[in-house]
C-alpha atoms as a PDB file:
ATOM      1  CA  MET A   1      -0.306   9.268  12.673  1.00  0.00           C
ATOM      2  CA  HIS A   2      -3.015   6.812  13.437  1.00  0.00           C
ATOM      3  CA  ASP A   3      -5.617   6.242  10.900  1.00  0.00           C
ATOM      4  CA  GLN A   4      -8.423   7.624  13.139  1.00  0.00           C
ATOM      5  CA  THR A   5      -6.447  10.708  13.698  1.00  0.00           C
ATOM      6  CA  ALA A   6      -5.847  11.539   9.948  1.00  0.00           C
ATOM      7  CA  MET A   7      -9.488  10.802   9.378  1.00  0.00           C
ATOM      8  CA  ARG A   8     -10.508  13.590  11.809  1.00  0.00           C
ATOM      9  CA  THR A   9      -7.678  16.095  11.186  1.00  0.00           C
ATOM     10  CA  GLU A  10      -7.328  15.912   7.774  1.00  0.00           C
ATOM     11  CA  GLY A  11     -10.799  15.879   6.473  1.00  0.00           C
ATOM     12  CA  ILE A  12     -11.098  12.700   4.618  1.00  0.00           C
ATOM     13  CA  SER A  13     -14.891  12.391   5.471  1.00  0.00           C
ATOM     14  CA  GLU A  14     -15.301  15.934   3.944  1.00  0.00           C
ATOM     15  CA  GLN A  15     -13.439  15.095   0.935  1.00  0.00           C
ATOM     16  CA  LEU A  16     -15.745  11.656   0.210  1.00  0.00           C
ATOM     17  CA  ARG A  17     -18.715  14.071   0.880  1.00  0.00           C
ATOM     18  CA  LEU A  18     -17.547  16.385  -1.794  1.00  0.00           C
ATOM     19  CA  HIS A  19     -16.167  13.910  -4.360  1.00  0.00           C
ATOM     20  CA  SER A  20     -18.493  11.215  -4.501  1.00  0.00           C
ATOM     21  CA  GLN A  21     -17.199   9.420  -7.605  1.00  0.00           C
ATOM     22  CA  VAL A  22     -13.857   8.778  -5.417  1.00  0.00           C
ATOM     23  CA  LYS A  23     -13.649   5.198  -4.422  1.00  0.00           C
ATOM     24  CA  ALA A  24     -11.405   3.889  -1.738  1.00  0.00           C
ATOM     25  CA  GLU A  25     -10.372   0.404  -0.155  1.00  0.00           C
ATOM     26  CA  VAL A  26      -9.526   0.593   3.460  1.00  0.00           C
ATOM     27  CA  ASP A  27      -8.023  -1.456   6.368  1.00  0.00           C
ATOM     28  CA  GLU A  28      -9.685  -2.237   9.948  1.00  0.00           C
ATOM     29  CA  GLY A  29      -8.652   1.031  11.115  1.00  0.00           C
ATOM     30  CA  CYS A  30     -11.008   2.724   8.825  1.00  0.00           C
ATOM     31  CA  ARG A  31     -14.122   0.581   9.323  1.00  0.00           C
ATOM     32  CA  GLY A  32     -16.077   3.840  10.505  1.00  0.00           C
ATOM     33  CA  LEU A  33     -15.374   5.331   7.283  1.00  0.00           C
ATOM     34  CA  ALA A  34     -16.431   2.103   5.459  1.00  0.00           C
ATOM     35  CA  ASN A  35     -19.856   2.256   7.404  1.00  0.00           C
ATOM     36  CA  GLU A  36     -20.189   5.772   7.158  1.00  0.00           C
ATOM     37  CA  PHE A  37     -19.906   5.797   3.047  1.00  0.00           C
ATOM     38  CA  PRO A  38     -20.721   2.222   2.260  1.00  0.00           C
ATOM     39  CA  ASP A  39     -20.846   3.239  -1.609  1.00  0.00           C
ATOM     40  CA  GLN A  40     -17.500   4.670  -1.933  1.00  0.00           C
ATOM     41  CA  VAL A  41     -15.434   2.887   0.755  1.00  0.00           C
ATOM     42  CA  SER A  42     -14.702  -0.597   0.961  1.00  0.00           C
ATOM     43  CA  GLY A  43     -13.544  -2.129   4.009  1.00  0.00           C
ATOM     44  CA  PRO A  44     -12.668  -5.786   4.813  1.00  0.00           C
ATOM     45  CA  PRO A  45     -15.640  -8.069   5.821  1.00  0.00           C
ATOM     46  CA  LYS A  46     -16.825  -8.478   8.825  1.00  0.00           C
ATOM     47  CA  LYS A  47     -16.030 -11.425  10.927  1.00  0.00           C
ATOM     48  CA  PRO A  48     -18.722 -13.958  11.102  1.00  0.00           C
ATOM     49  CA  LYS A  49     -19.661 -15.144  14.794  1.00  0.00           C
ATOM     50  CA  GLU A  50     -18.029 -18.138  16.438  1.00  0.00           C
ATOM     51  CA  ASP A  51     -20.928 -20.522  15.984  1.00  0.00           C
ATOM     52  CA  ALA A  52     -21.313 -19.678  12.140  1.00  0.00           C
ATOM     53  CA  PRO A  53     -21.294 -22.412   9.707  1.00  0.00           C
ATOM     54  CA  LEU A  54     -17.808 -23.349   8.614  1.00  0.00           C
ATOM     55  CA  GLY A  55     -18.135 -22.543   4.976  1.00  0.00           C
ATOM     56  CA  GLU A  56     -19.238 -18.969   6.337  1.00  0.00           C
ATOM     57  CA  GLN A  57     -16.011 -18.724   7.974  1.00  0.00           C
ATOM     58  CA  TYR A  58     -14.176 -20.220   5.036  1.00  0.00           C
ATOM     59  CA  ALA A  59     -15.738 -17.634   2.688  1.00  0.00           C
ATOM     60  CA  TRP A  60     -14.900 -14.808   5.178  1.00  0.00           C
ATOM     61  CA  ARG A  61     -11.180 -16.167   5.327  1.00  0.00           C
ATOM     62  CA  GLU A  62     -11.125 -16.048   1.533  1.00  0.00           C
ATOM     63  CA  MET A  63     -12.608 -12.580   1.030  1.00  0.00           C
ATOM     64  CA  ARG A  64     -10.074 -11.189   3.454  1.00  0.00           C
ATOM     65  CA  ARG A  65      -7.215 -13.028   1.427  1.00  0.00           C
ATOM     66  CA  ARG A  66      -8.326 -11.434  -1.748  1.00  0.00           C
ATOM     67  CA  GLN A  67      -8.737  -7.787   0.108  1.00  0.00           C
ATOM     68  CA  SER A  68      -5.467  -8.264   1.366  1.00  0.00           C
ATOM     69  CA  SER A  69      -3.792  -9.318  -1.648  1.00  0.00           C
ATOM     70  CA  ALA A  70      -5.375  -6.326  -3.592  1.00  0.00           C
ATOM     71  CA  ARG A  71      -3.963  -3.785  -0.484  1.00  0.00           C
ATOM     72  CA  ILE A  72      -0.358  -5.229  -0.005  1.00  0.00           C
ATOM     73  CA  CYS A  73       1.466  -3.045  -2.558  1.00  0.00           C
ATOM     74  CA  VAL A  74      -0.166   0.213  -1.244  1.00  0.00           C
ATOM     75  CA  GLU A  75       0.610  -1.322   2.657  1.00  0.00           C
ATOM     76  CA  HIS A  76       4.354  -1.930   1.159  1.00  0.00           C
ATOM     77  CA  ALA A  77       4.654   1.490  -0.213  1.00  0.00           C
ATOM     78  CA  ASN A  78       3.468   3.130   3.075  1.00  0.00           C
ATOM     79  CA  ALA A  79       5.963   1.005   5.251  1.00  0.00           C
ATOM     80  CA  GLU A  80       8.803   1.947   3.217  1.00  0.00           C
ATOM     81  CA  HIS A  81       8.356   5.636   4.217  1.00  0.00           C
ATOM     82  CA  LYS A  82       8.103   4.758   7.637  1.00  0.00           C
ATOM     83  CA  GLN A  83      11.708   2.793   7.625  1.00  0.00           C
ATOM     84  CA  TRP A  84      13.594   6.051   7.332  1.00  0.00           C
ATOM     85  CA  ARG A  85      15.035   7.162  10.422  1.00  0.00           C
ATOM     86  CA  PRO A  86      13.725  10.733  10.484  1.00  0.00           C
ATOM     87  CA  LEU A  87       9.947   9.380  10.569  1.00  0.00           C
ATOM     88  CA  GLN A  88      10.379   6.422  12.407  1.00  0.00           C
ATOM     89  CA  ARG A  89      11.211   9.040  15.895  1.00  0.00           C
ATOM     90  CA  PHE A  90      10.002  12.314  14.483  1.00  0.00           C
ATOM     91  CA  LEU A  91      10.561  14.627  17.565  1.00  0.00           C
ATOM     92  CA  GLY A  92       9.704  17.899  15.748  1.00  0.00           C
ATOM     93  CA  ARG A  93       7.018  20.272  15.866  1.00  0.00           C
ATOM     94  CA  ARG A  94       3.613  18.716  14.563  1.00  0.00           C
ATOM     95  CA  GLU A  95       3.342  21.551  11.778  1.00  0.00           C
ATOM     96  CA  HIS A  96       6.547  20.513  10.722  1.00  0.00           C
ATOM     97  CA  TYR A  97       5.847  16.853   9.801  1.00  0.00           C
ATOM     98  CA  PRO A  98       4.121  17.250   6.401  1.00  0.00           C
ATOM     99  CA  ALA A  99       7.088  19.065   4.702  1.00  0.00           C
ATOM    100  CA  THR A 100       9.525  16.225   6.420  1.00  0.00           C
ATOM    101  CA  HIS A 101       7.465  13.735   5.144  1.00  0.00           C
ATOM    102  CA  ARG A 102       7.139  15.112   1.929  1.00  0.00           C
ATOM    103  CA  ALA A 103      11.107  15.406   1.483  1.00  0.00           C
ATOM    104  CA  ILE A 104      11.191  11.704   2.363  1.00  0.00           C
ATOM    105  CA  VAL A 105       8.588  10.667   0.040  1.00  0.00           C
ATOM    106  CA  GLY A 106      10.556  12.401  -2.749  1.00  0.00           C
ATOM    107  CA  LEU A 107      13.739  10.481  -1.601  1.00  0.00           C
ATOM    108  CA  VAL A 108      11.794   7.067  -1.698  1.00  0.00           C
ATOM    109  CA  SER A 109      10.318   8.072  -5.080  1.00  0.00           C
ATOM    110  CA  ASP A 110      13.723   8.992  -6.598  1.00  0.00           C
ATOM    111  CA  ARG A 111      15.310   5.722  -5.009  1.00  0.00           C
ATOM    112  CA  ALA A 112      12.411   3.837  -6.598  1.00  0.00           C
ATOM    113  CA  THR A 113      12.925   5.340 -10.201  1.00  0.00           C
ATOM    114  CA  GLN A 114      16.603   4.377  -9.819  1.00  0.00           C
ATOM    115  CA  ARG A 115      16.174   1.024  -9.053  1.00  0.00           C
ATOM    116  CA  ALA A 116      13.466   0.292 -11.569  1.00  0.00           C
ATOM    117  CA  THR A 117      15.965   2.057 -14.153  1.00  0.00           C
ATOM    118  CA  GLN A 118      18.816  -0.170 -13.134  1.00  0.00           C
ATOM    119  CA  ARG A 119      16.307  -3.321 -13.641  1.00  0.00           C
ATOM    120  CA  ALA A 120      15.503  -2.632 -16.971  1.00  0.00           C
ATOM    121  CA  THR A 121      19.348  -1.757 -18.287  1.00  0.00           C
ATOM    122  CA  ARG A 122      20.375  -4.764 -16.721  1.00  0.00           C
ATOM    123  CA  ARG A 123      22.172  -7.403 -19.402  1.00  0.00           C
ATOM    124  CA  LYS A 124      20.165 -10.710 -19.758  1.00  0.00           C
ATOM    125  CA  PRO A 125      22.148 -13.540 -20.590  1.00  0.00           C
ATOM    126  CA  SER A 126      21.695 -14.287 -24.492  1.00  0.00           C
ATOM    127  CA  THR A 127      20.573 -17.704 -25.522  1.00  0.00           C
ATOM    128  CA  GLU A 128      21.640 -17.269 -29.190  1.00  0.00           C
ATOM    129  CA  LEU A 129      23.380 -19.996 -30.652  1.00  0.00           C
ATOM    130  CA  VAL A 130      27.415 -19.056 -31.435  1.00  0.00           C
ATOM    131  CA  PRO A 131      29.119 -21.390 -33.973  1.00  0.00           C
ATOM    132  CA  VAL A 132      32.371 -22.962 -32.934  1.00  0.00           C
ATOM    133  CA  SER A 133      35.008 -24.009 -34.972  1.00  0.00           C
ATOM    134  CA  MET A 134      36.806 -27.360 -34.135  1.00  0.00           C
ATOM    135  CA  THR A 135      40.399 -25.891 -34.614  1.00  0.00           C
ATOM    136  CA  ALA A 136      40.043 -24.375 -31.496  1.00  0.00           C
ATOM    137  CA  CYS A 137      39.933 -27.571 -29.830  1.00  0.00           C
END
């Protein structure tokens, strides 16, 4: 679902109105949300005009890079769901999509937990010195 469609159909604007303490960081697809709720929603900086000074263009590029770096983990988490075939080509009825998505999110979460457990329990090579007897040579 496109960002703008989700904003309209899922009531995101209304939730931000009801919960003024909530903060969000959005990408360019939600620029309207950032304009509507400037204290709560932070969007990417607006691109300077072509005739803007070089320093302003560099500053814009750096601000954009920092925002992208902060959002990349969220974007990767969202992208992982979409790699599952049922979500790539969902042909079912629209009202069944949320249940399908929740089921796949559960599978992705289980797989991520399993990977984290495997990484945590993997043996690391020891750097401990071990005495060697000269008779074995």
